[in-house]
């Protein structure tokens, strides 16, 4: 999370400790009143490090007397690295490109965009490029399919309890197997998968314990862990109420289960919002999208479970699946036509027309259109609706994974350095 939260691409994973590291200005040297190594070895004295709080220091005087710029000032992170006489275009990696004149000293990657030698004559997809890239390197995306899978598994866990609460509110709390026992079991399984994916994605899984004992409570990674634990507790109580066939217990737990189910699905919107380096993930549409996916995922799980238990109100399940899928389509359309920062525009282009477009459009077709069609057929069918519901449910979950993968990848496709 911290690596995606950094808008300067300044953090990296130490291959020995498997923890996030960044430059500490050679703190071990500063403590001995020595200058950092980079400042010493720079042959042109292009690096100056000092005390910004001391107005008489060399660095403070340089900043006061010269035109200076910082990287990504729009992120409001109050950066303390200043560039003297630098054009802002040279500090924004989205406004630089490799000139195809074969500059022999350039060290670049094939993935970086290329523009004609005359930077004033750019193809449409290079609009806004104003500077030449001389050095770049390929960065492996921090988040991959584990995060995409984690978004799906917790959508199922939260969504299946949302649907269980709906069944209780519809007056089916007496359906012991379908309402009292099945939902918390499914929720527990997918909550366990969520925990496995969450811990597995950490470069130091053993330190997950620190999230609970020494966690930063302002981080939604820590808050999310507490939400997952509270949800697990309520699901456990729901299971006990179902086992003893206590309708009153389920009725008492219905509202808390619905609130925590929505929280399990939706808290990631706030976690992604803390990733200041990824503007696509800052969208206000993410929370309603995650909630819509939770409804669709929960209904999909119930449609599939209809094979094993007698679902008391299958029509409600199909309508919930249709409603969730329609909301996903509407929010996806809003996401693709909305405008934001240059980072957002580039990420949306990557998701809709670029490398991740097959995943995005395939995910919408399989995860929204197919479930809507098959759910409508199931509502109209006299028999065989269970098979149609199973197809709709499986398609919804697979499509959701594809769409989430496209969203996670596209958000990381824009270079930060």
Protein backbone atom coordinates (compact mmCIF):
# COMPACT_ATOMS: atom_id res chain seq x y z
CA UNK A 1 0.00 0.00 0.00
CA UNK A 2 2.75 2.46 0.89
CA UNK A 3 4.40 1.99 -2.52
CA UNK A 4 1.19 2.87 -4.35
CA UNK A 5 0.58 5.72 -1.92
CA UNK A 6 3.86 7.38 -2.90
CA UNK A 7 3.28 9.65 -5.93
CA UNK A 8 7.03 9.87 -6.57
CA UNK A 9 7.82 6.17 -7.04
CA UNK A 10 10.41 6.60 -4.30
CA UNK A 11 9.86 3.30 -2.46
CA UNK A 12 11.11 -0.14 -3.39
CA UNK A 13 11.11 -3.64 -1.93
CA UNK A 14 14.43 -4.61 -0.39
CA UNK A 15 15.15 -8.08 -1.85
CA UNK A 16 16.83 -9.22 1.37
CA UNK A 17 14.35 -8.06 4.00
CA UNK A 18 11.30 -8.03 1.66
CA UNK A 19 10.14 -4.78 3.23
CA UNK A 20 9.57 -1.37 1.68
CA UNK A 21 12.60 0.90 1.75
CA UNK A 22 13.40 4.40 0.54
CA UNK A 23 16.32 6.80 0.62
CA UNK A 24 16.90 8.12 4.15
CA UNK A 25 19.47 10.70 3.08
CA UNK A 26 22.22 8.47 4.52
CA UNK A 27 20.92 9.07 8.01
CA UNK A 28 23.85 7.16 9.50
CA UNK A 29 26.16 9.80 7.99
CA UNK A 30 23.99 12.76 8.96
CA UNK A 31 24.13 11.62 12.58
CA UNK A 32 27.92 11.97 12.34
CA UNK A 33 27.63 15.46 10.77
CA UNK A 34 28.70 14.04 7.41
CA UNK A 35 27.13 14.76 4.04
CA UNK A 36 25.10 12.09 2.22
CA UNK A 37 27.06 9.98 -0.25
CA UNK A 38 25.19 11.22 -3.33
CA UNK A 39 26.11 14.81 -2.57
CA UNK A 40 29.77 13.92 -2.13
CA UNK A 41 30.19 11.86 -5.30
CA UNK A 42 28.23 14.18 -7.63
CA UNK A 43 30.95 15.64 -9.92
CA UNK A 44 28.92 18.75 -10.83
CA UNK A 45 27.67 19.57 -7.33
CA UNK A 46 24.11 19.28 -8.60
CA UNK A 47 22.83 17.94 -5.27
CA UNK A 48 22.57 20.09 -2.15
CA UNK A 49 21.13 18.75 1.09
CA UNK A 50 20.58 20.81 4.21
CA UNK A 51 18.24 22.05 6.91
CA UNK A 52 15.17 23.74 5.43
CA UNK A 53 14.15 24.96 8.88
CA UNK A 54 17.33 27.04 9.11
CA UNK A 55 16.89 30.19 6.99
CA UNK A 56 20.65 30.77 6.99
CA UNK A 57 21.51 27.34 5.55
CA UNK A 58 22.81 27.03 2.00
CA UNK A 59 19.76 25.05 0.86
CA UNK A 60 17.33 27.62 2.26
CA UNK A 61 19.18 30.44 0.51
CA UNK A 62 19.24 28.55 -2.81
CA UNK A 63 15.48 28.04 -2.66
CA UNK A 64 14.87 31.67 -1.69
CA UNK A 65 17.00 33.12 -4.50
CA UNK A 66 16.09 30.84 -7.41
CA UNK A 67 13.09 29.61 -9.34
CA UNK A 68 12.48 26.11 -8.04
CA UNK A 69 9.88 23.45 -8.76
CA UNK A 70 8.68 20.27 -7.07
CA UNK A 71 7.24 17.06 -8.45
CA UNK A 72 3.50 16.39 -8.33
CA UNK A 73 2.56 19.51 -6.32
CA UNK A 74 -1.12 18.74 -6.98
CA UNK A 75 -0.90 15.78 -4.59
CA UNK A 76 -0.50 18.20 -1.64
CA UNK A 77 2.16 16.06 0.03
CA UNK A 78 4.40 19.09 0.77
CA UNK A 79 7.50 17.64 -0.97
CA UNK A 80 10.89 18.77 0.28
CA UNK A 81 12.91 17.96 -2.85
CA UNK A 82 13.30 21.09 -4.98
CA UNK A 83 14.58 21.34 -8.55
CA UNK A 84 16.39 24.51 -9.56
CA UNK A 85 15.53 25.90 -12.99
CA UNK A 86 13.60 22.79 -14.04
CA UNK A 87 10.66 23.02 -16.40
CA UNK A 88 7.61 21.35 -14.88
CA UNK A 89 7.29 19.17 -17.99
CA UNK A 90 10.65 17.59 -17.23
CA UNK A 91 9.39 16.59 -13.77
CA UNK A 92 6.21 14.91 -15.02
CA UNK A 93 6.84 11.45 -16.54
CA UNK A 94 3.52 11.61 -18.40
CA UNK A 95 4.79 14.60 -20.38
CA UNK A 96 8.07 13.03 -21.49
CA UNK A 97 8.81 10.51 -24.22
CA UNK A 98 11.72 8.88 -25.99
CA UNK A 99 12.73 10.65 -29.21
CA UNK A 100 13.28 8.11 -31.99
CA UNK A 101 16.56 9.64 -33.12
CA UNK A 102 18.56 6.88 -31.45
CA UNK A 103 20.35 8.96 -28.82
CA UNK A 104 23.17 6.59 -27.88
CA UNK A 105 23.43 7.64 -24.24
CA UNK A 106 19.75 7.06 -23.47
CA UNK A 107 18.90 4.13 -21.21
CA UNK A 108 15.23 3.37 -21.78
CA UNK A 109 12.70 0.55 -21.94
CA UNK A 110 10.57 -0.72 -24.81
CA UNK A 111 7.40 0.03 -22.87
CA UNK A 112 8.04 3.77 -22.73
CA UNK A 113 6.24 5.82 -25.45
CA UNK A 114 8.20 7.06 -28.44
CA UNK A 115 7.63 10.31 -30.33
CA UNK A 116 9.11 11.79 -33.52
CA UNK A 117 12.33 13.77 -33.33
CA UNK A 118 10.41 17.02 -33.72
CA UNK A 119 8.53 17.10 -30.46
CA UNK A 120 6.17 19.74 -31.82
CA UNK A 121 4.69 17.19 -34.26
CA UNK A 122 3.19 14.52 -32.06
CA UNK A 123 0.66 11.80 -32.81
CA UNK A 124 -2.67 12.16 -31.02
CA UNK A 125 -1.84 9.64 -28.30
CA UNK A 126 1.25 11.69 -27.38
CA UNK A 127 -0.64 14.95 -26.85
CA UNK A 128 0.91 16.89 -23.99
CA UNK A 129 4.41 15.41 -24.33
CA UNK A 130 6.92 18.24 -24.02
CA UNK A 131 10.22 16.73 -22.88
CA UNK A 132 12.68 14.02 -23.89
CA UNK A 133 13.22 10.91 -21.77
CA UNK A 134 16.90 10.07 -21.36
CA UNK A 135 16.66 7.38 -18.69
CA UNK A 136 13.88 5.12 -17.48
CA UNK A 137 13.42 1.62 -16.15
CA UNK A 138 10.58 -0.86 -16.04
CA UNK A 139 8.80 -1.23 -12.70
CA UNK A 140 6.85 -4.36 -11.87
CA UNK A 141 3.31 -3.42 -10.71
CA UNK A 142 3.04 -3.58 -6.94
CA UNK A 143 -0.46 -5.04 -6.94
CA UNK A 144 -1.52 -7.92 -9.15
CA UNK A 145 -4.04 -10.74 -9.30
CA UNK A 146 -3.95 -11.35 -5.56
CA UNK A 147 -5.49 -7.92 -5.03
CA UNK A 148 -8.05 -8.55 -7.79
CA UNK A 149 -8.94 -11.88 -6.19
CA UNK A 150 -9.11 -10.27 -2.77
CA UNK A 151 -11.65 -7.73 -4.08
CA UNK A 152 -13.82 -10.57 -5.39
CA UNK A 153 -13.61 -12.85 -2.35
CA UNK A 154 -14.56 -10.15 0.10
CA UNK A 155 -17.36 -9.00 -2.22
CA UNK A 156 -18.75 -12.54 -2.02
CA UNK A 157 -18.27 -12.73 1.76
CA UNK A 158 -19.97 -9.39 2.38
CA UNK A 159 -22.57 -9.83 -0.33
CA UNK A 160 -23.79 -13.25 0.79
CA UNK A 161 -24.55 -11.82 4.25
CA UNK A 162 -26.23 -8.80 2.68
CA UNK A 163 -28.54 -11.21 0.87
CA UNK A 164 -29.07 -13.20 4.07
CA UNK A 165 -30.15 -10.02 5.85
CA UNK A 166 -32.51 -9.30 2.95
CA UNK A 167 -34.05 -12.77 3.29
CA UNK A 168 -34.66 -12.15 6.99
CA UNK A 169 -36.28 -8.80 6.24
CA UNK A 170 -38.48 -10.56 3.67
CA UNK A 171 -39.72 -12.86 6.44
CA UNK A 172 -37.67 -15.99 5.75
CA UNK A 173 -35.73 -16.19 9.02
CA UNK A 174 -37.33 -19.59 9.66
CA UNK A 175 -35.51 -21.16 6.68
CA UNK A 176 -32.83 -22.75 8.84
CA UNK A 177 -30.59 -24.31 6.19
CA UNK A 178 -30.81 -21.68 3.45
CA UNK A 179 -30.84 -18.56 5.63
CA UNK A 180 -29.45 -19.57 9.01
CA UNK A 181 -26.60 -21.94 8.13
CA UNK A 182 -25.54 -21.61 4.49
CA UNK A 183 -24.74 -17.84 4.35
CA UNK A 184 -22.30 -17.71 7.31
CA UNK A 185 -20.52 -20.84 6.05
CA UNK A 186 -20.03 -19.32 2.60
CA UNK A 187 -19.04 -16.00 4.19
CA UNK A 188 -16.49 -17.76 6.42
CA UNK A 189 -14.93 -19.61 3.49
CA UNK A 190 -14.55 -16.47 1.40
CA UNK A 191 -13.47 -14.42 4.41
CA UNK A 192 -10.73 -17.00 4.93
CA UNK A 193 -9.71 -16.73 1.27
CA UNK A 194 -9.67 -12.94 1.65
CA UNK A 195 -7.33 -13.21 4.62
CA UNK A 196 -5.05 -15.64 2.78
CA UNK A 197 -4.82 -13.32 -0.25
CA UNK A 198 -4.34 -10.25 1.94
CA UNK A 199 -1.53 -11.85 3.94
CA UNK A 200 -0.01 -13.52 0.89
CA UNK A 201 0.22 -10.21 -0.97
CA UNK A 202 2.34 -8.73 1.80
CA UNK A 203 6.03 -9.05 1.03
CA UNK A 204 6.49 -9.95 4.69
CA UNK A 205 3.43 -12.10 5.58
CA UNK A 206 4.73 -12.65 9.10
CA UNK A 207 4.28 -8.97 9.79
CA UNK A 208 0.51 -9.11 9.32
CA UNK A 209 0.47 -9.54 13.09
CA UNK A 210 1.83 -5.99 13.38
CA UNK A 211 -1.31 -4.62 11.70
CA UNK A 212 -3.29 -5.76 14.70
CA UNK A 213 -0.80 -5.05 17.48
CA UNK A 214 1.16 -2.03 16.26
CA UNK A 215 -0.87 -0.84 13.29
CA UNK A 216 -1.30 2.76 12.18
CA UNK A 217 -4.97 3.36 12.90
CA UNK A 218 -5.15 6.07 10.22
CA UNK A 219 -4.44 3.42 7.57
CA UNK A 220 -7.42 1.72 5.99
CA UNK A 221 -5.35 -1.44 5.74
CA UNK A 222 -5.49 -1.57 9.55
CA UNK A 223 -9.09 -0.40 9.77
CA UNK A 224 -10.03 -2.99 7.17
CA UNK A 225 -8.51 -5.75 9.31
CA UNK A 226 -10.74 -4.66 12.20
CA UNK A 227 -13.78 -4.60 9.90
CA UNK A 228 -13.01 -8.14 8.72
CA UNK A 229 -12.73 -9.37 12.32
CA UNK A 230 -16.01 -7.73 13.35
CA UNK A 231 -17.71 -9.19 10.30
CA UNK A 232 -16.35 -12.64 11.13
CA UNK A 233 -17.72 -12.35 14.67
CA UNK A 234 -21.23 -11.45 13.47
CA UNK A 235 -21.14 -14.23 10.87
CA UNK A 236 -20.17 -16.67 13.63
CA UNK A 237 -23.07 -15.55 15.82
CA UNK A 238 -25.39 -15.85 12.81
CA UNK A 239 -24.21 -19.43 12.29
CA UNK A 240 -24.90 -20.31 15.92
CA UNK A 241 -28.36 -18.78 15.64
CA UNK A 242 -28.99 -20.83 12.51
CA UNK A 243 -27.77 -24.07 14.07
CA UNK A 244 -30.15 -23.73 17.03
CA UNK A 245 -32.89 -22.54 14.64
CA UNK A 246 -33.36 -19.23 16.47
CA UNK A 247 -35.27 -16.90 14.14
CA UNK A 248 -35.15 -14.11 16.71
CA UNK A 249 -31.33 -14.21 16.74
CA UNK A 250 -31.20 -13.81 12.97
CA UNK A 251 -33.67 -10.93 13.13
CA UNK A 252 -31.50 -9.16 15.72
CA UNK A 253 -28.33 -9.72 13.67
CA UNK A 254 -29.84 -8.77 10.29
CA UNK A 255 -29.02 -5.05 10.43
CA UNK A 256 -25.49 -5.46 11.90
CA UNK A 257 -24.77 -8.17 9.31
CA UNK A 258 -25.95 -5.91 6.48
CA UNK A 259 -23.87 -2.95 7.72
CA UNK A 260 -20.73 -5.03 8.21
CA UNK A 261 -21.27 -6.85 4.92
CA UNK A 262 -21.36 -3.51 3.11
CA UNK A 263 -18.32 -2.36 5.11
CA UNK A 264 -16.33 -5.45 4.16
CA UNK A 265 -17.03 -4.80 0.50
CA UNK A 266 -16.63 -1.03 0.60
CA UNK A 267 -13.70 -0.22 2.88
CA UNK A 268 -11.23 -0.87 0.06
CA UNK A 269 -12.47 2.31 -1.62
CA UNK A 270 -10.93 4.27 1.26
CA UNK A 271 -7.78 2.13 1.16
CA UNK A 272 -7.37 2.82 -2.56
CA UNK A 273 -8.05 6.52 -1.94
CA UNK A 274 -4.97 6.61 0.29
CA UNK A 275 -2.86 5.55 -2.70
CA UNK A 276 -2.04 9.12 -3.71
CA UNK A 277 0.23 7.93 -6.49
CA UNK A 278 -2.64 6.33 -8.42
CA UNK A 279 -5.18 8.95 -9.48
CA UNK A 280 -7.55 6.46 -11.12
CA UNK A 281 -8.19 4.91 -7.72
CA UNK A 282 -9.18 8.29 -6.24
CA UNK A 283 -12.51 8.23 -8.09
CA UNK A 284 -15.62 8.82 -5.93
CA UNK A 285 -17.32 6.13 -8.03
CA UNK A 286 -15.23 3.38 -6.43
CA UNK A 287 -17.31 3.04 -3.25
CA UNK A 288 -20.68 2.67 -5.04
CA UNK A 289 -18.98 0.34 -7.53
CA UNK A 290 -17.72 -1.94 -4.76
CA UNK A 291 -21.14 -1.96 -3.10
CA UNK A 292 -22.84 -2.78 -6.42
CA UNK A 293 -20.36 -5.60 -6.98
CA UNK A 294 -21.05 -6.91 -3.47
CA UNK A 295 -24.78 -7.10 -4.21
CA UNK A 296 -24.08 -8.87 -7.50
CA UNK A 297 -21.51 -11.21 -5.93
CA UNK A 298 -23.78 -12.06 -3.01
CA UNK A 299 -26.71 -12.76 -5.31
CA UNK A 300 -24.43 -14.83 -7.55
CA UNK A 301 -23.36 -16.94 -4.57
CA UNK A 302 -27.00 -17.49 -3.59
CA UNK A 303 -27.93 -18.44 -7.16
CA UNK A 304 -25.17 -21.05 -7.18
CA UNK A 305 -26.09 -22.27 -3.68
CA UNK A 306 -29.61 -22.99 -4.92
CA UNK A 307 -28.18 -26.30 -6.15
CA UNK A 308 -27.54 -27.42 -2.57
CA UNK A 309 -30.24 -25.69 -0.50
CA UNK A 310 -33.80 -24.63 -1.13
CA UNK A 311 -33.51 -20.85 -1.51
CA UNK A 312 -36.78 -19.42 -0.12
CA UNK A 313 -37.10 -16.46 -2.51
CA UNK A 314 -35.18 -17.16 -5.74
CA UNK A 315 -36.88 -14.28 -7.57
CA UNK A 316 -35.40 -11.85 -5.03
CA UNK A 317 -31.96 -13.34 -5.72
CA UNK A 318 -32.32 -12.88 -9.48
CA UNK A 319 -33.58 -9.33 -9.15
CA UNK A 320 -30.69 -8.50 -6.81
CA UNK A 321 -28.25 -9.93 -9.34
CA UNK A 322 -29.86 -7.92 -12.13
CA UNK A 323 -29.84 -4.75 -10.04
CA UNK A 324 -26.20 -5.17 -9.06
CA UNK A 325 -25.16 -5.89 -12.65
CA UNK A 326 -27.08 -2.89 -14.03
CA UNK A 327 -25.46 -0.65 -11.41
CA UNK A 328 -22.03 -1.99 -12.39
CA UNK A 329 -22.70 -1.20 -16.06
CA UNK A 330 -23.93 2.31 -15.25
CA UNK A 331 -20.99 3.09 -12.96
CA UNK A 332 -18.53 1.66 -15.48
CA UNK A 333 -19.96 3.91 -18.18
CA UNK A 334 -19.65 6.94 -15.87
CA UNK A 335 -16.07 5.95 -15.11
CA UNK A 336 -15.09 5.77 -18.78
CA UNK A 337 -16.61 9.12 -19.76
CA UNK A 338 -15.60 11.14 -16.69
CA UNK A 339 -12.62 13.47 -16.89
CA UNK A 340 -9.91 14.11 -14.35
CA UNK A 341 -6.17 14.62 -14.14
CA UNK A 342 -3.81 13.58 -16.92
CA UNK A 343 -3.01 10.47 -14.88
CA UNK A 344 -6.71 9.56 -14.82
CA UNK A 345 -7.07 10.15 -18.56
CA UNK A 346 -4.08 7.93 -19.35
CA UNK A 347 -5.21 5.18 -16.97
CA UNK A 348 -8.77 5.18 -18.36
CA UNK A 349 -7.36 5.04 -21.90
CA UNK A 350 -5.25 2.03 -20.90
CA UNK A 351 -8.28 0.33 -19.37
CA UNK A 352 -10.75 1.09 -22.17
CA UNK A 353 -8.57 1.09 -25.30
CA UNK A 354 -5.14 -0.09 -24.21
CA UNK A 355 -3.48 -3.22 -22.89
CA UNK A 356 -6.17 -3.94 -20.31
CA UNK A 357 -9.18 -3.31 -22.54
CA UNK A 358 -9.83 -7.04 -23.26
CA UNK A 359 -10.07 -7.68 -19.53
CA UNK A 360 -12.25 -4.64 -18.95
CA UNK A 361 -14.77 -5.22 -21.75
CA UNK A 362 -14.70 -8.99 -21.34
CA UNK A 363 -15.31 -8.56 -17.63
CA UNK A 364 -18.32 -6.32 -18.22
CA UNK A 365 -19.78 -8.67 -20.82
CA UNK A 366 -19.29 -11.79 -18.72
CA UNK A 367 -19.83 -10.19 -15.32
CA UNK A 368 -22.82 -7.96 -16.07
CA UNK A 369 -24.48 -8.59 -19.43
CA UNK A 370 -24.53 -12.40 -19.22
CA UNK A 371 -25.92 -12.45 -15.63
CA UNK A 372 -28.66 -9.98 -16.58
CA UNK A 373 -29.74 -12.07 -19.57
CA UNK A 374 -29.69 -15.42 -17.77
CA UNK A 375 -31.37 -14.01 -14.67
CA UNK A 376 -34.21 -12.66 -16.80
CA UNK A 377 -34.56 -16.07 -18.44
CA UNK A 378 -34.60 -17.68 -14.98
CA UNK A 379 -37.40 -15.35 -13.87
CA UNK A 380 -39.48 -16.22 -16.92
CA UNK A 381 -38.71 -19.94 -17.02
CA UNK A 382 -41.27 -22.41 -15.68
CA UNK A 383 -38.56 -24.93 -14.87
CA UNK A 384 -34.80 -25.15 -15.12
CA UNK A 385 -34.34 -21.76 -13.47
CA UNK A 386 -31.73 -23.20 -11.09
CA UNK A 387 -29.38 -24.09 -13.96
CA UNK A 388 -29.86 -20.66 -15.50
CA UNK A 389 -29.14 -19.04 -12.14
CA UNK A 390 -25.96 -21.07 -11.71
CA UNK A 391 -24.72 -19.94 -15.12
CA UNK A 392 -25.54 -16.34 -14.25
CA UNK A 393 -23.78 -16.61 -10.90
CA UNK A 394 -20.59 -18.20 -12.22
CA UNK A 395 -20.39 -15.70 -15.08
CA UNK A 396 -20.86 -12.80 -12.65
CA UNK A 397 -17.96 -13.90 -10.44
CA UNK A 398 -15.55 -14.63 -13.30
CA UNK A 399 -16.41 -11.36 -15.02
CA UNK A 400 -15.95 -9.48 -11.76
CA UNK A 401 -12.44 -10.85 -11.40
CA UNK A 402 -11.56 -9.80 -14.96
CA UNK A 403 -12.92 -6.27 -14.47
CA UNK A 404 -11.19 -5.82 -11.13
CA UNK A 405 -7.92 -7.01 -12.67
CA UNK A 406 -8.25 -4.42 -15.44
CA UNK A 407 -8.95 -1.67 -12.90
CA UNK A 408 -6.03 -2.61 -10.65
CA UNK A 409 -3.59 -2.92 -13.56
CA UNK A 410 -4.72 0.24 -15.35
CA UNK A 411 -4.29 2.27 -12.18
CA UNK A 412 -0.63 1.26 -12.10
CA UNK A 413 0.00 1.70 -15.83
CA UNK A 414 0.82 5.41 -15.60
CA UNK A 415 4.53 6.02 -14.88
CA UNK A 416 5.37 7.98 -11.74
CA UNK A 417 9.06 8.47 -12.45
